[in-house]
Protein backbone atom coordinates (compact mmCIF):
# COMPACT_ATOMS: atom_id res chain seq x y z
CA MET A 1 -2.22 24.14 10.03
CA ASN A 2 0.97 22.93 8.37
CA THR A 3 1.09 20.62 5.14
CA SER A 4 2.13 17.44 7.06
CA ARG A 5 -0.84 17.91 9.61
CA ILE A 6 -3.42 18.28 6.77
CA LEU A 7 -2.08 15.37 4.91
CA GLU A 8 -1.98 13.28 7.99
CA CYS A 9 -5.74 14.20 8.76
CA ILE A 10 -6.56 13.44 5.07
CA ASN A 11 -4.70 10.03 5.16
CA GLY A 12 -6.35 9.27 8.52
CA PHE A 13 -9.99 9.91 7.35
CA ARG A 14 -9.21 7.76 4.21
CA ASN A 15 -8.18 5.00 6.26
CA SER A 16 -11.11 5.36 8.80
CA ILE A 17 -14.49 3.58 8.82
CA ALA A 18 -16.20 6.82 8.04
CA TYR A 19 -14.59 7.43 4.67
CA LEU A 20 -16.49 5.11 2.28
CA THR A 21 -19.56 5.37 4.62
CA SER A 22 -19.75 9.12 4.19
CA ILE A 23 -19.62 8.93 0.59
CA ILE A 24 -22.51 6.74 0.38
CA ILE A 25 -24.47 8.79 2.76
CA THR A 26 -23.81 11.71 0.77
CA VAL A 27 -25.43 10.05 -2.25
CA TYR A 28 -28.44 9.18 -0.31
CA VAL A 29 -28.76 12.86 1.06
CA VAL A 30 -28.42 14.28 -2.52
CA LEU A 31 -31.34 11.99 -3.44
CA GLY A 32 -33.34 13.15 -0.58
CA VAL A 33 -32.85 16.82 -1.26
CA ALA A 34 -33.53 16.35 -5.06
CA ALA A 35 -36.72 14.65 -4.08
CA VAL A 36 -38.17 17.36 -1.78
CA SER A 37 -36.78 20.37 -3.73
CA LEU A 38 -37.32 19.67 -7.44
CA ASP A 39 -40.78 20.22 -8.99
CA VAL A 40 -41.08 17.79 -11.77
CA ASN A 41 -44.53 17.94 -13.68
CA ASN A 42 -43.94 16.51 -16.97
CA LEU A 43 -43.74 12.85 -16.03
CA PRO A 44 -45.52 10.25 -18.11
CA GLY A 45 -49.28 9.87 -17.45
CA VAL A 46 -49.00 6.27 -16.92
CA LEU A 47 -47.07 6.87 -13.57
CA ASP A 48 -50.27 8.49 -12.25
CA VAL A 49 -51.57 5.08 -11.04
CA LEU A 50 -48.65 5.09 -8.42
CA ASN A 51 -50.13 8.40 -6.78
CA PHE A 52 -51.29 7.99 -3.07
CA ASP A 53 -55.18 8.82 -3.15
CA GLN A 54 -55.74 9.13 0.62
CA SER A 55 -54.08 11.78 2.75
CA GLY A 56 -51.62 10.74 5.30
CA THR A 57 -50.84 7.26 3.71
CA ALA A 58 -47.56 8.36 2.48
CA GLN A 59 -46.54 9.85 5.85
CA THR A 60 -47.64 6.80 7.77
CA LEU A 61 -45.66 4.49 5.18
CA LEU A 62 -42.59 6.71 5.66
CA THR A 63 -42.91 6.72 9.57
CA THR A 64 -43.11 2.79 9.57
CA LEU A 65 -40.22 2.39 7.23
CA MET A 66 -38.10 4.72 9.35
CA ALA A 67 -38.94 2.89 12.57
CA GLY A 68 -38.05 -0.35 10.84
CA MET A 69 -34.65 0.83 9.54
CA ILE A 70 -33.82 2.00 13.01
CA SER A 71 -34.64 -1.31 14.52
CA LEU A 72 -32.79 -3.07 11.72
CA LEU A 73 -29.75 -0.69 12.36
CA VAL A 74 -29.64 -1.36 16.09
CA PHE A 75 -30.12 -5.09 15.79
CA SER A 76 -27.61 -5.67 13.11
CA PHE A 77 -24.81 -3.79 14.93
CA SER A 78 -25.52 -5.11 18.29
CA THR A 79 -25.41 -8.65 16.95
CA VAL A 80 -22.06 -7.80 15.27
CA MET A 81 -20.51 -6.12 17.98
CA SER A 82 -21.43 -9.24 20.27
CA VAL A 83 -19.62 -11.56 17.70
CA LEU A 84 -16.66 -9.30 17.37
CA THR A 85 -16.30 -9.12 21.12
CA GLN A 86 -16.12 -12.78 21.45
CA ALA A 87 -13.56 -12.97 18.45
CA GLY A 88 -11.40 -10.23 20.12
CA SER A 89 -11.38 -12.28 23.40
CA ASN A 90 -10.53 -15.58 21.74
CA PHE A 91 -8.07 -14.34 19.19
CA SER A 92 -6.76 -10.83 19.19
CA ASN A 93 -8.30 -7.40 19.84
CA LYS A 94 -6.36 -5.92 17.00
CA LEU A 95 -8.34 -8.14 14.57
CA VAL A 96 -11.60 -6.48 15.59
CA PHE A 97 -10.68 -3.11 14.31
CA GLY A 98 -9.66 -4.72 10.95
CA ILE A 99 -12.72 -6.50 10.47
CA MET A 100 -14.87 -3.52 11.21
CA THR A 101 -12.88 -1.39 8.87
CA GLU A 102 -13.54 -3.76 5.78
CA LYS A 103 -15.03 -2.11 2.85
CA ARG A 104 -18.20 -4.37 2.80
CA HIS A 105 -18.96 -3.42 6.30
CA GLN A 106 -18.36 0.15 5.59
CA GLN A 107 -20.85 -0.14 2.60
CA VAL A 108 -23.64 -1.82 4.59
CA LEU A 109 -23.34 0.89 7.34
CA GLY A 110 -23.41 3.85 4.62
CA HIS A 111 -26.63 2.21 3.04
CA TYR A 112 -28.24 1.80 6.35
CA LEU A 113 -27.49 5.41 7.51
CA GLY A 114 -28.24 6.89 4.15
CA THR A 115 -31.57 5.31 3.91
CA ILE A 116 -32.52 6.59 7.29
CA LEU A 117 -31.51 10.09 6.36
CA TYR A 118 -33.22 9.88 2.99
CA LEU A 119 -36.52 9.00 4.74
CA LEU A 120 -35.96 11.53 7.44
CA ILE A 121 -35.67 14.33 4.64
CA LEU A 122 -38.96 13.07 3.34
CA LEU A 123 -40.62 13.23 6.65
CA LEU A 124 -39.24 16.54 7.58
CA VAL A 125 -40.46 18.40 4.24
CA PRO A 126 -44.18 18.44 3.96
CA THR A 127 -46.00 17.85 0.63
CA ASN A 128 -48.08 20.44 -1.22
CA GLY A 129 -51.69 19.67 -0.73
CA ASP A 130 -53.30 16.62 1.10
CA THR A 131 -51.84 13.90 -1.12
CA PRO A 132 -48.33 13.94 -2.64
CA ASP A 133 -47.95 14.67 -6.42
CA THR A 134 -46.38 11.84 -8.84
CA TRP A 135 -42.91 13.09 -8.09
CA ARG A 136 -43.19 13.02 -4.45
CA SER A 137 -44.99 9.69 -4.58
CA LEU A 138 -42.02 8.13 -6.74
CA ALA A 139 -39.82 9.47 -4.03
CA VAL A 140 -41.77 7.55 -1.29
CA TYR A 141 -41.70 4.29 -3.35
CA LEU A 142 -37.88 4.81 -3.78
CA GLY A 143 -37.61 4.99 -0.03
CA ALA A 144 -39.27 1.48 0.07
CA GLY A 145 -36.95 0.12 -2.30
CA MET A 146 -34.12 1.50 -0.35
CA VAL A 147 -35.50 -0.31 2.81
CA ILE A 148 -35.86 -3.58 0.66
CA ASN A 149 -32.21 -3.10 -0.31
CA SER A 150 -31.22 -2.71 3.19
CA LEU A 151 -33.09 -6.01 4.17
CA ALA A 152 -31.22 -7.80 1.55
CA MET A 153 -27.93 -6.43 2.78
CA PHE A 154 -28.70 -7.25 6.20
CA VAL A 155 -28.66 -11.07 5.28
CA PHE A 156 -25.31 -10.83 3.50
CA PHE A 157 -23.95 -8.55 6.40
CA ILE A 158 -24.73 -11.14 9.18
CA HIS A 159 -23.38 -13.99 7.11
CA GLY A 160 -20.17 -12.03 6.11
CA ALA A 161 -19.70 -10.98 9.85
CA SER A 162 -20.18 -14.49 11.33
CA GLN A 163 -17.66 -16.04 8.54
CA SER A 164 -15.13 -13.32 9.10
CA VAL A 165 -14.47 -14.17 12.74
CA GLN A 166 -14.02 -17.81 11.95
CA ILE A 167 -10.38 -18.66 12.67
CA ASN A 168 -9.72 -19.86 9.12
CA ALA A 169 -11.13 -16.95 7.61
CA ILE A 170 -8.94 -14.62 9.96
CA THR A 171 -5.55 -16.30 9.55
CA GLN A 172 -6.26 -16.64 5.68
CA GLY A 173 -7.08 -12.83 5.75
CA LEU A 174 -3.75 -12.21 7.55
CA LEU A 175 -1.91 -14.13 5.11
CA VAL A 176 -3.36 -12.55 1.96
CA SER A 177 -2.77 -9.05 3.34
CA THR A 178 0.83 -9.77 4.46
CA GLN A 179 1.65 -11.45 1.13
CA LEU A 180 0.35 -8.28 -0.59
CA SER A 181 3.01 -6.31 1.60
CA LEU A 182 5.54 -8.89 0.49
CA ASP A 183 4.61 -8.26 -3.08
CA LYS A 184 5.45 -4.56 -2.75
CA LEU A 185 8.57 -5.26 -1.16
CA ARG A 186 9.44 -7.74 -4.03
CA LYS A 187 8.55 -5.22 -6.79
CA ARG A 188 10.76 -2.47 -4.99
CA GLN A 189 13.73 -5.13 -4.78
CA ASP A 190 13.30 -5.39 -8.68
CA ARG A 191 13.80 -1.67 -9.36
CA ASP A 192 17.34 -0.32 -10.10
CA GLU A 193 17.19 2.60 -7.83
CA TYR A 194 16.79 0.47 -4.75
CA THR A 195 19.67 -1.34 -3.42
CA CYS A 196 20.90 -3.12 -0.36
CA GLN A 197 23.89 -1.61 1.61
CA THR A 198 25.84 -3.41 4.21
CA GLY A 199 27.24 -1.83 7.26
CA GLU A 200 25.85 0.44 9.88
CA VAL A 201 25.13 4.10 9.27
CA ASP A 202 26.36 6.49 11.99
CA LEU A 203 23.10 8.24 12.99
CA ARG A 204 24.98 10.55 15.41
CA ALA A 205 26.37 12.45 12.54
CA GLY A 206 24.12 14.70 10.56
CA HIS A 207 21.25 17.23 11.33
CA PRO A 208 18.26 15.51 12.99
CA VAL A 209 14.61 16.24 12.06
CA HIS A 210 12.27 15.65 14.98
CA SER A 211 8.82 14.20 14.83
CA ARG A 212 5.87 16.49 15.28
CA ASP A 213 3.42 13.89 16.48
CA SER A 214 3.41 10.47 18.05
CA GLY A 215 2.14 7.31 16.35
CA TYR A 216 2.90 4.27 14.22
CA ILE A 217 4.84 5.04 10.99
CA GLN A 218 4.22 2.09 8.59
CA ALA A 219 5.84 3.41 5.48
CA VAL A 220 7.12 6.55 3.70
CA ASN A 221 6.73 7.98 0.16
CA PHE A 222 10.13 6.84 -0.94
CA ASN A 223 9.90 8.40 -4.41
CA ALA A 224 8.88 11.79 -2.85
CA LEU A 225 11.66 11.63 -0.20
CA ALA A 226 14.22 10.54 -2.67
CA GLY A 227 13.10 13.43 -5.00
CA ILE A 228 13.77 15.93 -2.07
CA ALA A 229 17.27 14.37 -1.50
CA ARG A 230 18.15 14.69 -5.11
CA ARG A 231 16.97 18.14 -5.63
CA HIS A 232 18.73 19.62 -2.48
CA ASP A 233 21.82 17.39 -2.77
CA LEU A 234 21.50 15.77 0.60
CA THR A 235 21.15 12.18 2.10
CA ILE A 236 18.28 11.23 4.35
CA HIS A 237 18.61 8.27 6.98
CA ILE A 238 15.48 6.89 8.51
CA SER A 239 16.41 6.28 12.13
CA PHE A 240 13.33 4.10 12.94
CA SER A 241 12.07 0.88 11.85
CA PHE A 242 8.88 0.79 9.88
CA GLY A 243 6.05 -0.26 12.28
CA ASP A 244 7.58 1.22 15.26
CA PHE A 245 5.75 3.57 17.66
CA VAL A 246 7.49 6.93 17.29
CA VAL A 247 7.02 9.50 20.09
CA LYS A 248 6.87 13.25 19.82
CA LYS A 249 10.13 15.15 19.29
CA PHE A 250 11.91 11.90 18.50
CA PRO A 251 14.81 12.31 15.76
CA ILE A 252 13.29 10.23 13.03
CA LEU A 253 15.39 11.61 10.17
CA ILE A 254 18.98 12.36 9.97
CA ILE A 255 20.14 14.69 7.26
CA GLU A 256 23.69 14.65 5.75
CA ALA A 257 24.10 18.06 4.25
CA ALA A 258 26.44 20.97 4.47
CA SER A 259 23.84 22.99 6.48
CA PRO A 260 20.61 22.06 8.45
CA PRO A 261 17.35 22.00 6.68
CA ASP A 262 15.10 25.07 6.82
CA ASN A 263 11.48 24.78 8.18
CA ARG A 264 10.02 24.63 4.77
CA LEU A 265 12.16 21.66 3.82
CA VAL A 266 11.51 19.84 7.02
CA GLU A 267 7.81 20.19 6.48
CA GLN A 268 8.11 18.57 3.07
CA MET A 269 10.09 15.64 4.21
CA LEU A 270 7.63 15.07 7.20
CA ALA A 271 4.87 15.08 4.71
CA CYS A 272 6.27 12.04 3.19
CA LEU A 273 5.77 10.06 6.41
CA GLU A 274 2.66 7.88 6.41
CA TYR A 275 1.11 7.70 10.03
CA VAL A 276 -1.60 4.98 10.46
CA GLU A 277 -3.89 3.98 13.25
CA GLY A 278 -2.85 0.66 14.66
CA GLU A 279 -0.81 -1.92 12.85
CA SER A 280 -1.40 -2.14 8.99
CA THR A 281 -0.55 -5.55 7.57
CA ARG A 282 -0.77 -4.22 3.99
CA ASP A 283 1.81 -1.61 4.55
CA HIS A 284 4.26 -3.53 6.73
CA TYR A 285 4.74 -7.46 6.39
CA VAL A 286 6.15 -7.73 9.96
CA ASN A 287 2.81 -6.81 11.36
CA GLY A 288 1.16 -9.77 9.71
CA LEU A 289 3.82 -11.94 11.20
CA THR A 290 3.44 -10.57 14.62
CA GLN A 291 -0.44 -10.69 14.69
CA LEU A 292 -0.39 -14.44 13.62
CA MET A 293 1.94 -14.90 16.53
CA GLU A 294 -0.34 -13.11 18.87
CA VAL A 295 -3.36 -15.14 17.69
CA ALA A 296 -1.26 -18.28 18.33
CA ILE A 297 -0.23 -17.34 21.73
CA LYS A 298 -3.88 -16.24 22.88
CA ALA A 299 -5.04 -19.62 21.49
CA LEU A 300 -2.47 -21.32 23.79
CA SER A 301 -3.62 -19.51 26.80
CA PRO A 302 -5.25 -21.68 29.50
CA GLY A 303 -8.73 -19.90 29.21
CA ILE A 304 -8.83 -20.97 25.45
CA ASN A 305 -6.45 -23.96 25.17
CA ASP A 306 -6.72 -24.40 21.38
CA PRO A 307 -3.53 -25.74 19.99
CA GLY A 308 -5.01 -26.45 16.90
CA THR A 309 -5.20 -22.67 15.99
CA ALA A 310 -1.74 -22.14 17.15
CA ARG A 311 -0.65 -24.83 14.68
CA LEU A 312 -2.61 -23.17 11.87
CA CYS A 313 -0.90 -19.82 12.79
CA ILE A 314 2.52 -21.59 12.84
CA HIS A 315 1.88 -23.03 9.21
CA GLN A 316 0.69 -19.39 7.91
CA THR A 317 3.77 -17.96 9.37
CA THR A 318 6.06 -20.55 7.67
CA GLU A 319 4.60 -19.76 4.37
CA LEU A 320 5.22 -16.07 4.78
CA LEU A 321 8.79 -16.50 6.00
CA CYS A 322 9.72 -18.86 3.23
CA GLN A 323 8.71 -15.96 0.80
CA ARG A 324 10.76 -13.58 2.96
CA LEU A 325 13.83 -15.78 2.82
CA MET A 326 13.79 -15.75 -0.93
CA MET A 327 14.11 -11.98 -0.90
CA THR A 328 16.92 -9.60 -0.16
CA PRO A 329 14.97 -6.32 0.86
CA PRO A 330 16.56 -3.18 -0.22
CA ASN A 331 17.47 -0.66 2.36
CA ALA A 332 18.63 2.21 0.44
CA MET A 333 17.81 4.38 -2.72
CA VAL A 334 20.56 5.73 -4.88
CA ASP A 335 20.62 7.98 -7.94
CA ASP A 336 22.09 7.37 -11.54
CA ASP A 337 25.64 8.04 -10.10
CA GLY A 338 25.23 5.43 -7.41
CA ARG A 339 25.05 8.20 -4.61
CA CYS A 340 22.82 7.30 -1.69
CA LEU A 341 19.68 9.43 -1.45
CA MET A 342 18.21 7.84 1.61
CA SER A 343 18.38 4.75 3.70
CA TRP A 344 16.41 2.92 6.03
CA ARG A 345 16.21 -0.17 8.40
CA GLU A 346 15.34 -3.66 7.29
CA GLU A 347 14.66 -6.28 9.89
CA ASP A 348 16.85 -9.38 9.38
CA ILE A 349 15.89 -13.05 9.55
CA GLU A 350 17.38 -13.60 12.84
CA SER A 351 15.21 -10.83 14.52
CA LEU A 352 12.10 -12.12 12.72
CA LEU A 353 12.56 -15.70 13.76
CA PHE A 354 12.90 -14.81 17.43
CA ARG A 355 10.06 -12.33 17.52
CA VAL A 356 7.75 -14.83 15.80
CA PHE A 357 8.53 -18.17 17.13
CA ASP A 358 9.88 -17.59 20.49
CA PRO A 359 6.64 -16.35 22.31
CA ILE A 360 4.99 -19.48 20.76
CA LEU A 361 7.69 -21.67 22.18
CA HIS A 362 7.58 -19.97 25.42
CA TYR A 363 3.73 -20.44 25.88
CA GLY A 364 3.38 -23.85 23.97
CA GLY A 365 6.73 -25.61 25.05
CA ARG A 366 4.83 -28.02 27.22
CA ASP A 367 2.50 -29.00 24.30
CA LEU A 368 4.23 -31.81 21.95
CA SER A 369 2.23 -30.91 18.93
CA ILE A 370 3.35 -27.32 19.06
CA CYS A 371 7.00 -28.41 19.49
CA LEU A 372 6.75 -30.70 16.68
CA SER A 373 5.05 -28.06 14.44
CA LEU A 374 7.69 -25.63 15.26
CA LEU A 375 10.62 -28.13 14.26
CA LYS A 376 8.76 -28.93 11.07
CA ALA A 377 8.64 -25.14 10.26
CA PHE A 378 12.36 -24.73 10.89
CA LYS A 379 12.85 -27.71 8.56
CA THR A 380 10.79 -26.05 5.87
CA LEU A 381 12.55 -22.79 6.33
CA SER A 382 15.96 -24.42 5.87
CA ASN A 383 15.12 -25.33 2.33
CA PHE A 384 14.63 -21.78 1.39
CA ALA A 385 17.40 -20.27 3.56
CA GLY A 386 20.86 -19.26 2.15
CA PRO A 387 24.20 -20.13 4.05
CA ASP A 388 23.97 -16.94 5.91
CA ASP A 389 20.53 -17.57 7.31
CA ARG A 390 20.82 -21.43 7.93
CA PRO A 391 22.79 -21.21 11.18
CA VAL A 392 20.12 -19.17 12.88
CA ILE A 393 17.38 -21.78 11.84
CA GLN A 394 19.67 -24.60 13.00
CA ALA A 395 19.95 -22.75 16.55
CA HIS A 396 16.22 -22.55 16.87
CA ALA A 397 15.73 -26.03 15.82
CA ASP A 398 18.30 -27.16 18.33
CA ARG A 399 16.38 -25.18 21.14
CA VAL A 400 13.17 -26.91 20.15
CA ILE A 401 14.77 -30.36 20.15
CA GLN A 402 16.57 -29.72 23.62
CA LEU A 403 13.19 -28.56 25.13
CA MET A 404 11.50 -31.82 24.00
CA ALA A 405 14.24 -33.79 25.45
CA ASP A 406 13.77 -31.99 28.72
CA HIS A 407 10.08 -32.09 29.04
CA PHE A 408 8.97 -35.19 27.36
CA THR A 409 10.80 -38.14 29.05
CA ALA A 410 8.28 -40.89 29.02
CA SER A 411 9.18 -43.80 26.84
CA LEU A 412 6.21 -43.54 24.58
CA GLU A 413 6.83 -39.87 24.12
CA VAL A 414 10.48 -40.36 23.30
CA ALA A 415 9.79 -42.99 20.87
CA PHE A 416 7.03 -40.79 19.25
CA ILE A 417 9.48 -37.88 18.89
CA GLU A 418 12.53 -39.70 17.69
CA ALA A 419 10.51 -41.43 14.90
CA ARG A 420 9.70 -37.85 13.55
CA LEU A 421 13.02 -36.02 14.53
CA ALA A 422 15.26 -36.25 11.57
CA GLY A 423 12.50 -37.03 8.97
CA GLY A 424 11.28 -34.89 6.11
CA LEU A 425 13.28 -33.02 3.61
CA HIS A 426 15.35 -30.38 5.26
CA ARG A 427 19.04 -28.93 5.30
CA LEU A 428 19.57 -29.00 9.07
CA HIS A 429 21.75 -31.23 11.09
CA ILE A 430 19.53 -33.19 13.27
CA ASP A 431 20.22 -36.56 14.97
CA SER A 432 17.72 -39.35 14.97
CA ARG A 433 18.00 -39.47 18.82
CA LEU A 434 16.90 -36.96 21.30
CA PRO A 435 19.95 -35.31 23.22
CA GLU A 436 20.60 -35.76 27.00
CA ARG A 437 18.49 -33.71 29.32
CA SER A 438 20.35 -30.34 30.25
CA ALA A 439 21.50 -29.92 33.77
CA SER A 440 19.00 -27.21 34.44
CA SER A 441 16.01 -29.45 33.93
């Protein structure tokens, strides 16, 4: 197995629900093995009162605790899966995986399964004599304490799961995780070795490096990849956009060098790519924007018909795009002499606005509250946009205004719209009257 495949498996395990769960389970298993394998005789005599006097009492207690834990496990996760299924049908199925992989849920699952395995170890290994000694009795009492701990975690688990599927918590979680991704981009922008280069890179020239696997590549190890380029005197161009689905054998890297890279160097470069399962909002901020958009259009579907949720998503998206407008994301790394070590693609504002707001306008264009929320979003964005980005925002605002002029023609609707058309603080050119209806309408 090559190095890139090993690192990919390790990263996949670290990002899975089994990582933290398996660590906690290991601790419980070690405790169980220690309880049945160690022979401790020098315990204080005061602990003798904890011994079980009658034969079979400890075994019966462990059996009862085991049955109770299995029932608790089944009930907890059947309830949670029912809640998550409802949330997935109302909002987005992508959010269900994110909720289940939260660390607090992994911790609860680890404690549940660990407690069951601990009790199982005590049941499988018989005691010496009719009644357990003090050390083994303490192990049984520890098992009872683990069950009590699981009961307390059950209460917090059900509360946390029910809170996590509320729309306010979902959108706020997407907002926070996407802001963390933007913070990484902002820190990268402040470093001297990162720069923003204009002009298109000719990806047809150079030596291609093809992908070995298919999947989503959310990010790369920039420092490691730039170090390879510096040591071997070459330039690496990343031919895909972060967050794209890359198929096997796709030329993902274009190498500018005198000779094509050998297999060892190719393996080193491929090991710098970070594959993830699904769309990670912490690694790539665009995924957070698109997931908010998907929640909005799901809320606008006829089966759900919840424009309030869609407006909430528009507000959160506007907040994130305002932060993005105040940045100039770098798309290249250079050395101390200014030579380009590597370059990649960064999505521009025009593409982001169309990707995020066009589907919402398509599905919610007949809802006046959605149209006004979109117009207000564009007004807000215009205050943060520079001269180069403002015409794109103006074009989107004009489209929303024309759509309202075509669809809302009643006198009350027109008066309501025109009273709010040009109001607010913005830098757009908006008339206080709706334009004439287009010929196509």
